[in-house]
N, C-alpha and C. Protein backbone atom coordinates (compact mmCIF):
# COMPACT_ATOMS: atom_id res chain seq x y z
N UNK A 1 -79.47 -42.54 49.09
CA UNK A 1 -78.69 -42.95 47.62
C UNK A 1 -78.81 -44.51 47.42
N UNK A 2 -79.03 -45.13 46.48
CA UNK A 2 -78.56 -46.47 46.24
C UNK A 2 -77.71 -47.05 46.29
N UNK A 3 -77.22 -48.44 46.46
CA UNK A 3 -76.18 -48.78 46.52
C UNK A 3 -75.72 -49.11 45.05
N UNK A 4 -76.44 -49.05 43.99
CA UNK A 4 -76.11 -49.54 42.77
C UNK A 4 -75.33 -47.89 41.97
N UNK A 5 -74.66 -47.31 42.92
CA UNK A 5 -74.66 -45.51 42.34
C UNK A 5 -73.33 -46.21 41.41
N UNK A 6 -73.41 -45.53 39.99
CA UNK A 6 -72.23 -45.50 38.93
C UNK A 6 -70.87 -44.58 39.59
N UNK A 7 -69.90 -45.58 40.03
CA UNK A 7 -68.55 -45.02 40.58
C UNK A 7 -68.37 -44.18 39.37
N UNK A 8 -68.34 -44.14 38.06
CA UNK A 8 -67.80 -42.97 37.27
C UNK A 8 -68.35 -42.33 37.35
N UNK A 9 -69.37 -41.68 37.80
CA UNK A 9 -70.34 -40.36 37.63
C UNK A 9 -69.77 -39.90 39.10
N UNK A 10 -69.61 -40.37 40.41
CA UNK A 10 -69.08 -40.10 41.39
C UNK A 10 -67.77 -39.06 41.09
N UNK A 11 -66.83 -39.93 40.27
CA UNK A 11 -65.61 -39.63 40.40
C UNK A 11 -65.55 -38.47 39.06
N UNK A 12 -66.42 -38.84 38.01
CA UNK A 12 -66.48 -37.41 37.28
C UNK A 12 -66.90 -36.20 38.00
N UNK A 13 -67.87 -36.27 38.85
CA UNK A 13 -68.58 -35.35 39.63
C UNK A 13 -67.40 -34.47 40.49
N UNK A 14 -66.63 -35.65 41.58
CA UNK A 14 -65.76 -34.70 42.33
C UNK A 14 -64.46 -34.30 41.94
N UNK A 15 -64.01 -34.83 40.31
CA UNK A 15 -62.63 -34.26 39.80
C UNK A 15 -63.04 -33.21 39.23
N UNK A 16 -64.33 -32.77 38.77
CA UNK A 16 -64.74 -31.78 37.99
C UNK A 16 -65.00 -30.52 39.11
N UNK A 17 -64.89 -30.93 40.31
CA UNK A 17 -65.30 -29.84 41.15
C UNK A 17 -64.23 -28.78 41.48
N UNK A 18 -64.60 -27.41 41.67
CA UNK A 18 -63.65 -26.41 41.37
C UNK A 18 -62.74 -26.25 42.47
N UNK A 19 -61.45 -25.95 42.06
CA UNK A 19 -60.23 -26.06 42.91
C UNK A 19 -59.64 -27.28 42.93
N UNK A 20 -60.33 -28.46 42.18
CA UNK A 20 -58.98 -29.91 42.56
C UNK A 20 -57.65 -29.64 41.61
N UNK A 21 -57.45 -28.98 40.82
CA UNK A 21 -56.38 -28.80 40.26
C UNK A 21 -55.30 -27.93 41.05
N UNK A 22 -55.92 -27.11 41.97
CA UNK A 22 -55.11 -26.18 42.83
C UNK A 22 -54.07 -26.81 43.80
N UNK A 23 -52.76 -26.18 43.87
CA UNK A 23 -51.84 -27.22 44.71
C UNK A 23 -52.07 -26.64 46.35
N UNK A 24 -52.17 -27.56 47.33
CA UNK A 24 -52.14 -27.04 48.47
C UNK A 24 -50.82 -27.66 49.07
N UNK A 25 -50.46 -26.64 50.33
CA UNK A 25 -49.37 -27.00 51.28
C UNK A 25 -50.35 -27.61 52.65
N UNK A 26 -49.36 -28.88 53.03
CA UNK A 26 -49.55 -29.60 54.04
C UNK A 26 -48.52 -29.78 55.06
N UNK A 27 -48.95 -29.35 56.13
CA UNK A 27 -47.94 -29.47 57.41
C UNK A 27 -48.55 -30.57 58.23
N UNK A 28 -47.46 -31.72 58.36
CA UNK A 28 -48.00 -32.80 58.85
C UNK A 28 -47.48 -33.35 59.45
N UNK A 29 -47.38 -34.38 60.77
CA UNK A 29 -46.16 -35.17 61.30
C UNK A 29 -46.83 -36.74 61.23
N UNK A 30 -46.20 -37.72 60.54
CA UNK A 30 -46.67 -39.12 60.82
C UNK A 30 -45.49 -39.70 61.26
N UNK A 31 -45.86 -40.79 61.38
CA UNK A 31 -44.34 -42.37 61.81
C UNK A 31 -43.89 -42.54 60.46
N UNK A 32 -42.76 -43.03 61.01
CA UNK A 32 -42.09 -43.44 59.87
C UNK A 32 -42.78 -44.78 59.41
N UNK A 33 -43.24 -45.57 60.13
CA UNK A 33 -44.11 -46.59 59.83
C UNK A 33 -45.22 -46.63 59.19
N UNK A 34 -46.20 -45.40 59.41
CA UNK A 34 -47.24 -45.12 58.85
C UNK A 34 -46.62 -44.32 57.08
N UNK A 35 -45.66 -44.28 56.89
CA UNK A 35 -45.36 -43.39 55.81
C UNK A 35 -44.49 -44.33 54.73
N UNK A 36 -44.13 -45.39 55.69
CA UNK A 36 -43.88 -46.71 54.62
C UNK A 36 -45.15 -47.28 54.09
N UNK A 37 -45.90 -47.67 55.14
CA UNK A 37 -47.13 -48.15 55.07
C UNK A 37 -47.81 -47.76 53.54
N UNK A 38 -48.16 -45.99 53.44
CA UNK A 38 -48.70 -45.15 52.60
C UNK A 38 -47.83 -45.25 51.14
N UNK A 39 -46.64 -45.60 51.39
CA UNK A 39 -45.96 -45.76 50.05
C UNK A 39 -45.96 -47.12 49.66
N UNK A 40 -45.91 -48.33 50.38
CA UNK A 40 -46.31 -48.98 50.07
C UNK A 40 -47.50 -49.49 48.89
N UNK A 41 -48.50 -48.70 49.94
CA UNK A 41 -50.15 -49.11 49.18
C UNK A 41 -50.39 -48.18 47.93
N UNK A 42 -49.50 -47.19 48.08
CA UNK A 42 -49.81 -46.30 46.74
C UNK A 42 -49.33 -46.51 45.35
N UNK A 43 -47.79 -47.30 45.84
CA UNK A 43 -47.18 -47.84 45.00
C UNK A 43 -47.99 -49.25 44.06
N UNK A 44 -48.45 -49.90 45.05
CA UNK A 44 -49.21 -50.86 44.56
C UNK A 44 -50.41 -50.56 43.96
N UNK A 45 -51.36 -49.87 44.41
CA UNK A 45 -52.18 -49.16 43.36
C UNK A 45 -51.95 -49.04 42.24
N UNK A 46 -50.76 -47.98 41.98
CA UNK A 46 -50.60 -47.53 40.94
C UNK A 46 -49.86 -48.50 39.71
N UNK A 47 -49.12 -49.59 40.45
CA UNK A 47 -48.48 -50.75 39.51
C UNK A 47 -49.57 -51.36 39.01
N UNK A 48 -50.46 -51.65 39.74
CA UNK A 48 -51.38 -52.87 39.83
C UNK A 48 -52.12 -52.70 38.27
N UNK A 49 -52.45 -54.10 37.75
CA UNK A 49 -52.84 -53.82 36.36
C UNK A 49 -54.45 -54.42 36.46
N UNK A 50 -54.86 -54.58 37.38
CA UNK A 50 -56.09 -55.16 37.42
C UNK A 50 -57.57 -54.24 37.30
N UNK A 51 -58.68 -54.59 36.85
CA UNK A 51 -59.60 -53.54 36.22
C UNK A 51 -59.80 -52.65 37.03
N UNK A 52 -59.83 -52.87 38.65
CA UNK A 52 -60.51 -51.67 39.30
C UNK A 52 -59.39 -50.60 39.65
N UNK A 53 -58.21 -51.05 39.36
CA UNK A 53 -57.36 -49.79 39.42
C UNK A 53 -57.01 -49.14 38.42
N UNK A 54 -56.94 -50.15 37.14
CA UNK A 54 -56.97 -49.71 35.87
C UNK A 54 -57.76 -48.37 35.38
N UNK A 55 -58.98 -48.45 35.98
CA UNK A 55 -60.34 -48.03 35.94
C UNK A 55 -60.07 -46.37 37.06
N UNK A 56 -59.13 -46.68 37.94
CA UNK A 56 -59.13 -45.74 39.15
C UNK A 56 -58.14 -44.95 38.33
N UNK A 57 -57.08 -44.88 37.71
CA UNK A 57 -55.72 -44.51 37.11
C UNK A 57 -56.62 -43.37 35.96
N UNK A 58 -57.71 -44.22 35.36
CA UNK A 58 -58.02 -43.50 34.40
C UNK A 58 -58.87 -42.50 34.56
N UNK A 59 -59.65 -42.21 35.67
CA UNK A 59 -59.96 -41.21 36.31
C UNK A 59 -59.27 -39.91 36.63
N UNK A 60 -58.15 -40.42 36.92
CA UNK A 60 -57.11 -39.61 37.79
C UNK A 60 -56.10 -39.06 36.96
N UNK A 61 -56.01 -39.70 35.66
CA UNK A 61 -54.85 -39.61 35.00
C UNK A 61 -53.42 -40.04 35.19
N UNK A 62 -52.79 -39.97 33.97
CA UNK A 62 -51.30 -40.44 34.38
C UNK A 62 -50.36 -39.05 35.27
N UNK A 63 -50.60 -38.03 34.71
CA UNK A 63 -50.15 -36.98 35.21
C UNK A 63 -50.29 -36.86 36.52
N UNK A 64 -51.53 -37.03 37.34
CA UNK A 64 -51.75 -37.41 38.58
C UNK A 64 -50.88 -38.48 39.32
N UNK A 65 -51.20 -39.70 38.66
CA UNK A 65 -50.66 -40.44 39.35
C UNK A 65 -48.83 -40.42 39.49
N UNK A 66 -48.13 -39.80 38.13
CA UNK A 66 -46.47 -39.15 38.47
C UNK A 66 -46.89 -38.35 39.28
N UNK A 67 -47.59 -37.34 39.55
CA UNK A 67 -47.62 -36.35 40.69
C UNK A 67 -47.39 -37.10 42.23
N UNK A 68 -48.27 -38.26 42.01
CA UNK A 68 -48.61 -38.78 43.51
C UNK A 68 -47.51 -39.61 43.75
N UNK A 69 -46.47 -40.11 42.65
CA UNK A 69 -45.08 -40.57 42.85
C UNK A 69 -44.17 -40.28 43.30
N UNK A 70 -43.92 -39.11 42.66
CA UNK A 70 -43.05 -37.56 43.38
C UNK A 70 -43.24 -37.15 44.38
N UNK A 71 -44.71 -37.24 45.02
CA UNK A 71 -44.93 -36.82 46.35
C UNK A 71 -44.38 -37.97 47.55
N UNK A 72 -44.57 -39.27 46.90
CA UNK A 72 -44.36 -40.58 47.93
C UNK A 72 -42.80 -40.20 47.91
N UNK A 73 -41.83 -40.27 46.85
CA UNK A 73 -40.40 -40.35 47.09
C UNK A 73 -39.71 -39.17 47.57
N UNK A 74 -40.50 -37.96 47.63
CA UNK A 74 -40.09 -36.82 48.26
C UNK A 74 -40.13 -37.27 50.04
N UNK A 75 -41.51 -37.62 50.02
CA UNK A 75 -41.41 -37.88 51.60
C UNK A 75 -40.74 -38.90 52.18
N UNK A 76 -40.44 -39.61 51.36
CA UNK A 76 -39.50 -41.20 51.87
C UNK A 76 -38.31 -40.19 52.02
N UNK A 77 -38.12 -39.29 51.17
CA UNK A 77 -36.53 -38.72 51.55
C UNK A 77 -36.16 -38.28 52.21
N UNK A 78 -37.09 -37.47 52.82
CA UNK A 78 -37.26 -36.38 54.16
C UNK A 78 -37.48 -37.24 54.95
N UNK A 79 -37.81 -38.37 55.38
CA UNK A 79 -37.82 -39.03 56.30
C UNK A 79 -36.75 -39.85 56.42
N UNK A 80 -35.71 -40.05 55.59
CA UNK A 80 -34.75 -40.59 55.69
C UNK A 80 -35.06 -42.60 55.25
N UNK A 81 -36.06 -42.72 54.50
CA UNK A 81 -36.33 -43.90 54.29
C UNK A 81 -36.21 -44.18 52.91
N UNK A 82 -35.62 -43.40 52.10
CA UNK A 82 -35.58 -43.97 50.62
C UNK A 82 -34.97 -45.56 50.54
N UNK A 83 -33.49 -45.47 51.15
CA UNK A 83 -32.75 -46.91 51.01
C UNK A 83 -33.62 -48.14 51.85
N UNK A 84 -34.44 -47.87 52.72
CA UNK A 84 -35.15 -49.00 53.40
C UNK A 84 -36.20 -49.20 52.42
N UNK A 85 -37.06 -48.56 51.86
CA UNK A 85 -38.46 -48.80 51.21
C UNK A 85 -37.74 -49.64 49.84
N UNK A 86 -36.42 -48.93 49.47
CA UNK A 86 -36.04 -49.92 48.02
C UNK A 86 -35.40 -51.55 48.45
N UNK A 87 -35.37 -51.60 49.82
CA UNK A 87 -34.72 -52.65 50.11
C UNK A 87 -35.71 -53.57 50.18
N UNK A 88 -37.29 -52.82 51.13
CA UNK A 88 -38.07 -53.54 51.49
C UNK A 88 -38.76 -54.18 49.98
N UNK A 89 -38.75 -53.22 49.25
CA UNK A 89 -39.46 -53.32 47.44
C UNK A 89 -38.59 -54.74 46.75
N UNK A 90 -37.80 -54.88 47.12
CA UNK A 90 -36.64 -55.74 46.26
C UNK A 90 -36.91 -56.99 46.73
N UNK A 91 -37.72 -57.47 47.93
CA UNK A 91 -38.05 -58.83 48.59
C UNK A 91 -39.19 -59.17 47.96
N UNK A 92 -39.71 -58.05 47.65
CA UNK A 92 -41.39 -58.33 46.98
C UNK A 92 -41.10 -58.55 45.22
N UNK A 93 -40.24 -57.67 44.63
CA UNK A 93 -40.13 -57.72 43.26
C UNK A 93 -39.16 -59.26 42.87
N UNK A 94 -39.73 -60.02 41.83
CA UNK A 94 -38.90 -61.20 41.28
C UNK A 94 -37.77 -60.71 40.72
N UNK A 95 -36.39 -61.59 41.19
CA UNK A 95 -35.50 -61.28 40.38
C UNK A 95 -35.33 -61.57 39.41
């Protein structure tokens, strides 16, 4: 494969695969530190407005972005990190 693969074609192919809309059950253990990092990364990617992020969201759609945000919120709540996460975000958000 060449390095000049059209990334949109790759995403279109992957997302058209059978079962991509199926729900799955995950049983995993992660550290709270890793969960905070994951939440920050996901939220940063979803809320960014640069071209790469916008293109990525176009492939997955708004519904998937909302589902991902809900997943992060639920994980933070289960880990009892919601308040800490919100306080950390407040340092980044301009007042």
